[in-house]
PDB file of all heavy atoms in Angstrom:
ATOM      1  N   ARG A   1     109.358  25.814  80.616  1.00  0.00           N
ATOM      2  CA  ARG A   1     109.202  26.248  82.001  1.00  0.00           C
ATOM      3  C   ARG A   1     109.701  27.683  82.143  1.00  0.00           C
ATOM      4  O   ARG A   1     110.887  27.959  81.974  1.00  0.00           O
ATOM      5  CB  ARG A   1     109.988  25.329  82.946  1.00  0.00           C
ATOM      6  CG  ARG A   1     109.345  23.962  83.137  1.00  0.00           C
ATOM      7  CD  ARG A   1     110.038  23.177  84.226  1.00  0.00           C
ATOM      8  NE  ARG A   1     109.319  21.943  84.516  1.00  0.00           N
ATOM      9  CZ  ARG A   1     109.645  21.093  85.485  1.00  0.00           C
ATOM     10  NH1 ARG A   1     110.698  21.344  86.249  1.00  0.00           N
ATOM     11  NH2 ARG A   1     108.938  19.999  85.683  1.00  0.00           N
ATOM     12  N   LEU A   2     108.791  28.592  82.454  1.00  0.00           N
ATOM     13  CA  LEU A   2     109.166  29.989  82.620  1.00  0.00           C
ATOM     14  C   LEU A   2     109.864  30.178  83.960  1.00  0.00           C
ATOM     15  O   LEU A   2     109.564  29.492  84.936  1.00  0.00           O
ATOM     16  CB  LEU A   2     107.920  30.874  82.550  1.00  0.00           C
ATOM     17  CG  LEU A   2     107.097  30.790  81.257  1.00  0.00           C
ATOM     18  CD1 LEU A   2     105.889  31.717  81.342  1.00  0.00           C
ATOM     19  CD2 LEU A   2     107.948  31.126  80.044  1.00  0.00           C
ATOM     20  N   ASP A   3     110.793  31.124  84.014  1.00  0.00           N
ATOM     21  CA  ASP A   3     111.502  31.446  85.254  1.00  0.00           C
ATOM     22  C   ASP A   3     110.581  32.297  86.131  1.00  0.00           C
ATOM     23  O   ASP A   3     110.266  33.429  85.783  1.00  0.00           O
ATOM     24  CB  ASP A   3     112.794  32.192  84.938  1.00  0.00           C
ATOM     25  CG  ASP A   3     113.654  32.398  86.176  1.00  0.00           C
ATOM     26  OD1 ASP A   3     113.193  33.073  87.116  1.00  0.00           O
ATOM     27  OD2 ASP A   3     114.786  31.883  86.210  1.00  0.00           O
ATOM     28  N   LEU A   4     110.156  31.739  87.261  1.00  0.00           N
ATOM     29  CA  LEU A   4     109.183  32.437  88.100  1.00  0.00           C
ATOM     30  C   LEU A   4     109.736  33.739  88.650  1.00  0.00           C
ATOM     31  O   LEU A   4     109.006  34.734  88.778  1.00  0.00           O
ATOM     32  CB  LEU A   4     108.738  31.539  89.259  1.00  0.00           C
ATOM     33  CG  LEU A   4     108.145  30.168  88.920  1.00  0.00           C
ATOM     34  CD1 LEU A   4     107.445  29.585  90.146  1.00  0.00           C
ATOM     35  CD2 LEU A   4     107.184  30.246  87.756  1.00  0.00           C
ATOM     36  N   ILE A   5     111.013  33.748  88.978  1.00  0.00           N
ATOM     37  CA  ILE A   5     111.587  34.930  89.619  1.00  0.00           C
ATOM     38  C   ILE A   5     111.787  36.050  88.609  1.00  0.00           C
ATOM     39  O   ILE A   5     111.328  37.177  88.814  1.00  0.00           O
ATOM     40  CB  ILE A   5     112.914  34.556  90.311  1.00  0.00           C
ATOM     41  CG1 ILE A   5     112.640  33.580  91.455  1.00  0.00           C
ATOM     42  CG2 ILE A   5     113.614  35.806  90.851  1.00  0.00           C
ATOM     43  CD1 ILE A   5     113.857  33.003  92.110  1.00  0.00           C
ATOM     44  N   SER A   6     112.439  35.762  87.485  1.00  0.00           N
ATOM     45  CA  SER A   6     112.688  36.823  86.508  1.00  0.00           C
ATOM     46  C   SER A   6     111.411  37.304  85.833  1.00  0.00           C
ATOM     47  O   SER A   6     111.324  38.457  85.417  1.00  0.00           O
ATOM     48  CB  SER A   6     113.692  36.344  85.448  1.00  0.00           C
ATOM     49  OG  SER A   6     113.147  35.294  84.679  1.00  0.00           O
ATOM     50  N   GLU A   7     110.400  36.434  85.735  1.00  0.00           N
ATOM     51  CA  GLU A   7     109.136  36.805  85.093  1.00  0.00           C
ATOM     52  C   GLU A   7     108.114  37.359  86.080  1.00  0.00           C
ATOM     53  O   GLU A   7     107.027  37.760  85.673  1.00  0.00           O
ATOM     54  CB  GLU A   7     108.537  35.590  84.372  1.00  0.00           C
ATOM     55  CG  GLU A   7     109.369  35.051  83.222  1.00  0.00           C
ATOM     56  CD  GLU A   7     109.297  35.922  81.985  1.00  0.00           C
ATOM     57  OE1 GLU A   7     108.396  36.783  81.918  1.00  0.00           O
ATOM     58  OE2 GLU A   7     110.150  35.758  81.096  1.00  0.00           O
ATOM     59  N   GLY A   8     108.455  37.366  87.358  1.00  0.00           N
ATOM     60  CA  GLY A   8     107.523  37.894  88.358  1.00  0.00           C
ATOM     61  C   GLY A   8     106.258  37.078  88.485  1.00  0.00           C
ATOM     62  O   GLY A   8     105.167  37.614  88.685  1.00  0.00           O
ATOM     63  N   ILE A   9     106.382  35.746  88.388  1.00  0.00           N
ATOM     64  CA  ILE A   9     105.233  34.850  88.436  1.00  0.00           C
ATOM     65  C   ILE A   9     105.023  34.367  89.868  1.00  0.00           C
ATOM     66  O   ILE A   9     105.975  33.994  90.558  1.00  0.00           O
ATOM     67  CB  ILE A   9     105.437  33.664  87.479  1.00  0.00           C
ATOM     68  CG1 ILE A   9     105.518  34.180  86.032  1.00  0.00           C
ATOM     69  CG2 ILE A   9     104.319  32.637  87.610  1.00  0.00           C
ATOM     70  CD1 ILE A   9     105.924  33.132  85.022  1.00  0.00           C
ATOM     71  N   ASP A  10     103.774  34.369  90.312  1.00  0.00           N
ATOM     72  CA  ASP A  10     103.451  34.011  91.691  1.00  0.00           C
ATOM     73  C   ASP A  10     103.333  32.510  91.918  1.00  0.00           C
ATOM     74  O   ASP A  10     103.670  32.013  93.003  1.00  0.00           O
ATOM     75  CB  ASP A  10     102.120  34.665  92.103  1.00  0.00           C
ATOM     76  CG  ASP A  10     102.158  36.175  91.999  1.00  0.00           C
ATOM     77  OD1 ASP A  10     103.046  36.775  92.629  1.00  0.00           O
ATOM     78  OD2 ASP A  10     101.312  36.749  91.287  1.00  0.00           O
ATOM     79  N   LEU A  11     102.833  31.793  90.919  1.00  0.00           N
ATOM     80  CA  LEU A  11     102.466  30.392  91.135  1.00  0.00           C
ATOM     81  C   LEU A  11     102.566  29.634  89.813  1.00  0.00           C
ATOM     82  O   LEU A  11     102.265  30.177  88.751  1.00  0.00           O
ATOM     83  CB  LEU A  11     101.026  30.326  91.665  1.00  0.00           C
ATOM     84  CG  LEU A  11     100.508  29.010  92.227  1.00  0.00           C
ATOM     85  CD1 LEU A  11     101.320  28.576  93.445  1.00  0.00           C
ATOM     86  CD2 LEU A  11      99.035  29.162  92.610  1.00  0.00           C
ATOM     87  N   ALA A  12     102.989  28.373  89.898  1.00  0.00           N
ATOM     88  CA  ALA A  12     103.092  27.550  88.691  1.00  0.00           C
ATOM     89  C   ALA A  12     102.574  26.152  88.976  1.00  0.00           C
ATOM     90  O   ALA A  12     102.734  25.625  90.079  1.00  0.00           O
ATOM     91  CB  ALA A  12     104.540  27.472  88.211  1.00  0.00           C
ATOM     92  N   LEU A  13     101.944  25.557  87.967  1.00  0.00           N
ATOM     93  CA  LEU A  13     101.632  24.130  87.978  1.00  0.00           C
ATOM     94  C   LEU A  13     102.708  23.465  87.132  1.00  0.00           C
ATOM     95  O   LEU A  13     102.909  23.830  85.977  1.00  0.00           O
ATOM     96  CB  LEU A  13     100.257  23.868  87.375  1.00  0.00           C
ATOM     97  CG  LEU A  13      99.825  22.389  87.400  1.00  0.00           C
ATOM     98  CD1 LEU A  13      99.248  22.051  88.761  1.00  0.00           C
ATOM     99  CD2 LEU A  13      98.810  22.094  86.313  1.00  0.00           C
ATOM    100  N   ARG A  14     103.418  22.495  87.708  1.00  0.00           N
ATOM    101  CA  ARG A  14     104.492  21.837  86.982  1.00  0.00           C
ATOM    102  C   ARG A  14     104.376  20.330  87.102  1.00  0.00           C
ATOM    103  O   ARG A  14     103.934  19.812  88.132  1.00  0.00           O
ATOM    104  CB  ARG A  14     105.856  22.323  87.470  1.00  0.00           C
ATOM    105  CG  ARG A  14     106.119  23.750  87.008  1.00  0.00           C
ATOM    106  CD  ARG A  14     107.516  24.206  87.204  1.00  0.00           C
ATOM    107  NE  ARG A  14     107.739  25.478  86.520  1.00  0.00           N
ATOM    108  CZ  ARG A  14     108.776  26.247  86.721  1.00  0.00           C
ATOM    109  NH1 ARG A  14     109.717  25.886  87.578  1.00  0.00           N
ATOM    110  NH2 ARG A  14     108.908  27.389  86.062  1.00  0.00           N
ATOM    111  N   VAL A  15     104.790  19.669  86.046  1.00  0.00           N
ATOM    112  CA  VAL A  15     104.675  18.214  85.945  1.00  0.00           C
ATOM    113  C   VAL A  15     106.073  17.622  85.844  1.00  0.00           C
ATOM    114  O   VAL A  15     106.882  18.079  85.037  1.00  0.00           O
ATOM    115  CB  VAL A  15     103.831  17.821  84.719  1.00  0.00           C
ATOM    116  CG1 VAL A  15     103.687  16.315  84.635  1.00  0.00           C
ATOM    117  CG2 VAL A  15     102.463  18.496  84.760  1.00  0.00           C
ATOM    118  N   GLY A  16     106.364  16.606  86.685  1.00  0.00           N
ATOM    119  CA  GLY A  16     107.667  15.953  86.635  1.00  0.00           C
ATOM    120  C   GLY A  16     108.569  16.390  87.763  1.00  0.00           C
ATOM    121  O   GLY A  16     108.120  16.852  88.816  1.00  0.00           O
ATOM    122  N   THR A  17     109.876  16.273  87.547  1.00  0.00           N
ATOM    123  CA  THR A  17     110.854  16.557  88.595  1.00  0.00           C
ATOM    124  C   THR A  17     110.954  18.051  88.867  1.00  0.00           C
ATOM    125  O   THR A  17     110.658  18.874  88.005  1.00  0.00           O
ATOM    126  CB  THR A  17     112.236  16.025  88.195  1.00  0.00           C
ATOM    127  OG1 THR A  17     112.610  16.606  86.928  1.00  0.00           O
ATOM    128  CG2 THR A  17     112.219  14.509  88.064  1.00  0.00           C
ATOM    129  N   MET A  18     111.407  18.382  90.081  1.00  0.00           N
ATOM    130  CA  MET A  18     111.510  19.772  90.508  1.00  0.00           C
ATOM    131  C   MET A  18     112.939  20.077  90.954  1.00  0.00           C
ATOM    132  O   MET A  18     113.261  20.009  92.131  1.00  0.00           O
ATOM    133  CB  MET A  18     110.532  20.033  91.663  1.00  0.00           C
ATOM    134  CG  MET A  18     109.077  19.839  91.297  1.00  0.00           C
ATOM    135  SD  MET A  18     108.587  20.867  89.907  1.00  0.00           S
ATOM    136  CE  MET A  18     109.144  22.454  90.474  1.00  0.00           C
ATOM    137  N   PRO A  19     113.839  20.431  90.026  1.00  0.00           N
ATOM    138  CA  PRO A  19     115.245  20.600  90.392  1.00  0.00           C
ATOM    139  C   PRO A  19     115.614  21.973  90.948  1.00  0.00           C
ATOM    140  O   PRO A  19     116.678  22.130  91.514  1.00  0.00           O
ATOM    141  CB  PRO A  19     115.964  20.364  89.062  1.00  0.00           C
ATOM    142  CG  PRO A  19     114.976  20.849  88.035  1.00  0.00           C
ATOM    143  CD  PRO A  19     113.617  20.511  88.591  1.00  0.00           C
ATOM    144  N   ASP A  20     114.775  23.001  90.778  1.00  0.00           N
ATOM    145  CA  ASP A  20     115.159  24.373  91.105  1.00  0.00           C
ATOM    146  C   ASP A  20     115.019  24.639  92.600  1.00  0.00           C
ATOM    147  O   ASP A  20     113.907  24.716  93.125  1.00  0.00           O
ATOM    148  CB  ASP A  20     114.299  25.367  90.308  1.00  0.00           C
ATOM    149  CG  ASP A  20     114.886  26.771  90.312  1.00  0.00           C
ATOM    150  OD1 ASP A  20     115.618  27.100  91.260  1.00  0.00           O
ATOM    151  OD2 ASP A  20     114.624  27.527  89.376  1.00  0.00           O
ATOM    152  N   SER A  21     116.148  24.823  93.309  1.00  0.00           N
ATOM    153  CA  SER A  21     116.124  25.011  94.758  1.00  0.00           C
ATOM    154  C   SER A  21     115.632  26.390  95.172  1.00  0.00           C
ATOM    155  O   SER A  21     115.388  26.636  96.350  1.00  0.00           O
ATOM    156  CB  SER A  21     117.526  24.775  95.333  1.00  0.00           C
ATOM    157  OG  SER A  21     118.448  25.706  94.788  1.00  0.00           O
ATOM    158  N   ARG A  22     115.499  27.317  94.210  1.00  0.00           N
ATOM    159  CA  ARG A  22     114.976  28.644  94.545  1.00  0.00           C
ATOM    160  C   ARG A  22     113.459  28.629  94.682  1.00  0.00           C
ATOM    161  O   ARG A  22     112.858  29.648  95.007  1.00  0.00           O
ATOM    162  CB  ARG A  22     115.361  29.646  93.456  1.00  0.00           C
ATOM    163  CG  ARG A  22     116.853  29.844  93.244  1.00  0.00           C
ATOM    164  CD  ARG A  22     117.085  30.773  92.075  1.00  0.00           C
ATOM    165  NE  ARG A  22     116.477  30.232  90.859  1.00  0.00           N
ATOM    166  CZ  ARG A  22     116.247  30.951  89.763  1.00  0.00           C
ATOM    167  NH1 ARG A  22     116.556  32.226  89.740  1.00  0.00           N
ATOM    168  NH2 ARG A  22     115.695  30.390  88.704  1.00  0.00           N
ATOM    169  N   LEU A  23     112.846  27.471  94.430  1.00  0.00           N
ATOM    170  CA  LEU A  23     111.397  27.379  94.415  1.00  0.00           C
ATOM    171  C   LEU A  23     110.895  26.483  95.537  1.00  0.00           C
ATOM    172  O   LEU A  23     111.558  25.535  95.941  1.00  0.00           O
ATOM    173  CB  LEU A  23     110.922  26.824  93.066  1.00  0.00           C
ATOM    174  CG  LEU A  23     111.396  27.577  91.819  1.00  0.00           C
ATOM    175  CD1 LEU A  23     110.937  26.854  90.569  1.00  0.00           C
ATOM    176  CD2 LEU A  23     110.912  29.014  91.832  1.00  0.00           C
ATOM    177  N   LEU A  24     109.717  26.814  96.022  1.00  0.00           N
ATOM    178  CA  LEU A  24     109.027  25.971  96.992  1.00  0.00           C
ATOM    179  C   LEU A  24     107.976  25.173  96.240  1.00  0.00           C
ATOM    180  O   LEU A  24     107.167  25.748  95.509  1.00  0.00           O
ATOM    181  CB  LEU A  24     108.356  26.832  98.069  1.00  0.00           C
ATOM    182  CG  LEU A  24     109.284  27.705  98.915  1.00  0.00           C
ATOM    183  CD1 LEU A  24     108.462  28.610  99.830  1.00  0.00           C
ATOM    184  CD2 LEU A  24     110.244  26.852  99.732  1.00  0.00           C
ATOM    185  N   SER A  25     108.008  23.867  96.382  1.00  0.00           N
ATOM    186  CA  SER A  25     107.053  23.040  95.642  1.00  0.00           C
ATOM    187  C   SER A  25     106.266  22.155  96.590  1.00  0.00           C
ATOM    188  O   SER A  25     106.753  21.752  97.644  1.00  0.00           O
ATOM    189  CB  SER A  25     107.771  22.183  94.595  1.00  0.00           C
ATOM    190  OG  SER A  25     108.604  21.225  95.220  1.00  0.00           O
ATOM    191  N   ARG A  26     105.058  21.853  96.184  1.00  0.00           N
ATOM    192  CA  ARG A  26     104.203  20.942  96.934  1.00  0.00           C
ATOM    193  C   ARG A  26     103.530  19.996  95.950  1.00  0.00           C
ATOM    194  O   ARG A  26     102.865  20.438  95.011  1.00  0.00           O
ATOM    195  CB  ARG A  26     103.142  21.712  97.714  1.00  0.00           C
ATOM    196  CG  ARG A  26     102.134  20.796  98.413  1.00  0.00           C
ATOM    197  CD  ARG A  26     101.227  21.547  99.341  1.00  0.00           C
ATOM    198  NE  ARG A  26     100.220  20.665  99.926  1.00  0.00           N
ATOM    199  CZ  ARG A  26      99.351  21.041 100.868  1.00  0.00           C
ATOM    200  NH1 ARG A  26      99.377  22.275 101.323  1.00  0.00           N
ATOM    201  NH2 ARG A  26      98.470  20.179 101.331  1.00  0.00           N
ATOM    202  N   LYS A  27     103.727  18.704  96.164  1.00  0.00           N
ATOM    203  CA  LYS A  27     103.068  17.730  95.304  1.00  0.00           C
ATOM    204  C   LYS A  27     101.574  17.729  95.609  1.00  0.00           C
ATOM    205  O   LYS A  27     101.166  17.628  96.762  1.00  0.00           O
ATOM    206  CB  LYS A  27     103.646  16.332  95.523  1.00  0.00           C
ATOM    207  CG  LYS A  27     102.999  15.286  94.634  1.00  0.00           C
ATOM    208  CD  LYS A  27     103.543  13.892  94.900  1.00  0.00           C
ATOM    209  CE  LYS A  27     102.749  12.856  94.101  1.00  0.00           C
ATOM    210  NZ  LYS A  27     103.219  11.479  94.322  1.00  0.00           N
ATOM    211  N   ILE A  28     100.765  17.846  94.551  1.00  0.00           N
ATOM    212  CA  ILE A  28      99.314  17.905  94.755  1.00  0.00           C
ATOM    213  C   ILE A  28      98.574  16.774  94.052  1.00  0.00           C
ATOM    214  O   ILE A  28      97.371  16.594  94.256  1.00  0.00           O
ATOM    215  CB  ILE A  28      98.742  19.255  94.282  1.00  0.00           C
ATOM    216  CG1 ILE A  28      98.986  19.459  92.778  1.00  0.00           C
ATOM    217  CG2 ILE A  28      99.338  20.402  95.079  1.00  0.00           C
ATOM    218  CD1 ILE A  28      98.251  20.650  92.198  1.00  0.00           C
ATOM    219  N   GLY A  29      99.273  16.001  93.205  1.00  0.00           N
ATOM    220  CA  GLY A  29      98.578  14.931  92.511  1.00  0.00           C
ATOM    221  C   GLY A  29      99.508  14.146  91.610  1.00  0.00           C
ATOM    222  O   GLY A  29     100.727  14.346  91.600  1.00  0.00           O
ATOM    223  N   ASP A  30      98.908  13.234  90.869  1.00  0.00           N
ATOM    224  CA  ASP A  30      99.639  12.379  89.934  1.00  0.00           C
ATOM    225  C   ASP A  30      98.949  12.399  88.583  1.00  0.00           C
ATOM    226  O   ASP A  30      97.730  12.544  88.497  1.00  0.00           O
ATOM    227  CB  ASP A  30      99.679  10.928  90.430  1.00  0.00           C
ATOM    228  CG  ASP A  30     100.381  10.788  91.765  1.00  0.00           C
ATOM    229  OD1 ASP A  30     101.601  10.993  91.799  1.00  0.00           O
ATOM    230  OD2 ASP A  30      99.704  10.482  92.769  1.00  0.00           O
ATOM    231  N   ALA A  31      99.758  12.218  87.544  1.00  0.00           N
ATOM    232  CA  ALA A  31      99.227  12.104  86.183  1.00  0.00           C
ATOM    233  C   ALA A  31      99.611  10.741  85.619  1.00  0.00           C
ATOM    234  O   ALA A  31     100.799  10.430  85.486  1.00  0.00           O
ATOM    235  CB  ALA A  31      99.774  13.221  85.301  1.00  0.00           C
ATOM    236  N   LYS A  32      98.605   9.920  85.315  1.00  0.00           N
ATOM    237  CA  LYS A  32      98.864   8.602  84.742  1.00  0.00           C
ATOM    238  C   LYS A  32      99.352   8.740  83.307  1.00  0.00           C
ATOM    239  O   LYS A  32      98.909   9.613  82.567  1.00  0.00           O
ATOM    240  CB  LYS A  32      97.584   7.761  84.777  1.00  0.00           C
ATOM    241  CG  LYS A  32      97.089   7.434  86.174  1.00  0.00           C
ATOM    242  CD  LYS A  32      95.871   6.521  86.145  1.00  0.00           C
ATOM    243  CE  LYS A  32      94.663   7.243  85.562  1.00  0.00           C
ATOM    244  NZ  LYS A  32      93.430   6.403  85.643  1.00  0.00           N
ATOM    245  N   MET A  33     100.260   7.844  82.926  1.00  0.00           N
ATOM    246  CA  MET A  33     100.772   7.810  81.557  1.00  0.00           C
ATOM    247  C   MET A  33     100.110   6.657  80.801  1.00  0.00           C
ATOM    248  O   MET A  33      99.815   5.609  81.384  1.00  0.00           O
ATOM    249  CB  MET A  33     102.283   7.633  81.556  1.00  0.00           C
ATOM    250  CG  MET A  33     103.052   8.748  82.245  1.00  0.00           C
ATOM    251  SD  MET A  33     102.920  10.326  81.381  1.00  0.00           S
ATOM    252  CE  MET A  33     103.865   9.975  79.890  1.00  0.00           C
ATOM    253  N   VAL A  34      99.888   6.849  79.505  1.00  0.00           N
ATOM    254  CA  VAL A  34      99.270   5.797  78.690  1.00  0.00           C
ATOM    255  C   VAL A  34     100.018   5.653  77.368  1.00  0.00           C
ATOM    256  O   VAL A  34     100.487   6.628  76.780  1.00  0.00           O
ATOM    257  CB  VAL A  34      97.779   6.089  78.398  1.00  0.00           C
ATOM    258  CG1 VAL A  34      96.954   5.974  79.671  1.00  0.00           C
ATOM    259  CG2 VAL A  34      97.590   7.458  77.756  1.00  0.00           C
TER     260      VAL A  34
END
């Protein structure tokens, strides 16, 4: 997981938990496990 702030990244797709309070996240879907 790249640091969005230090790397100057505008947007990320992330899977799993979202612990970083400096980030705004929105759940957009689910990934089934097999």
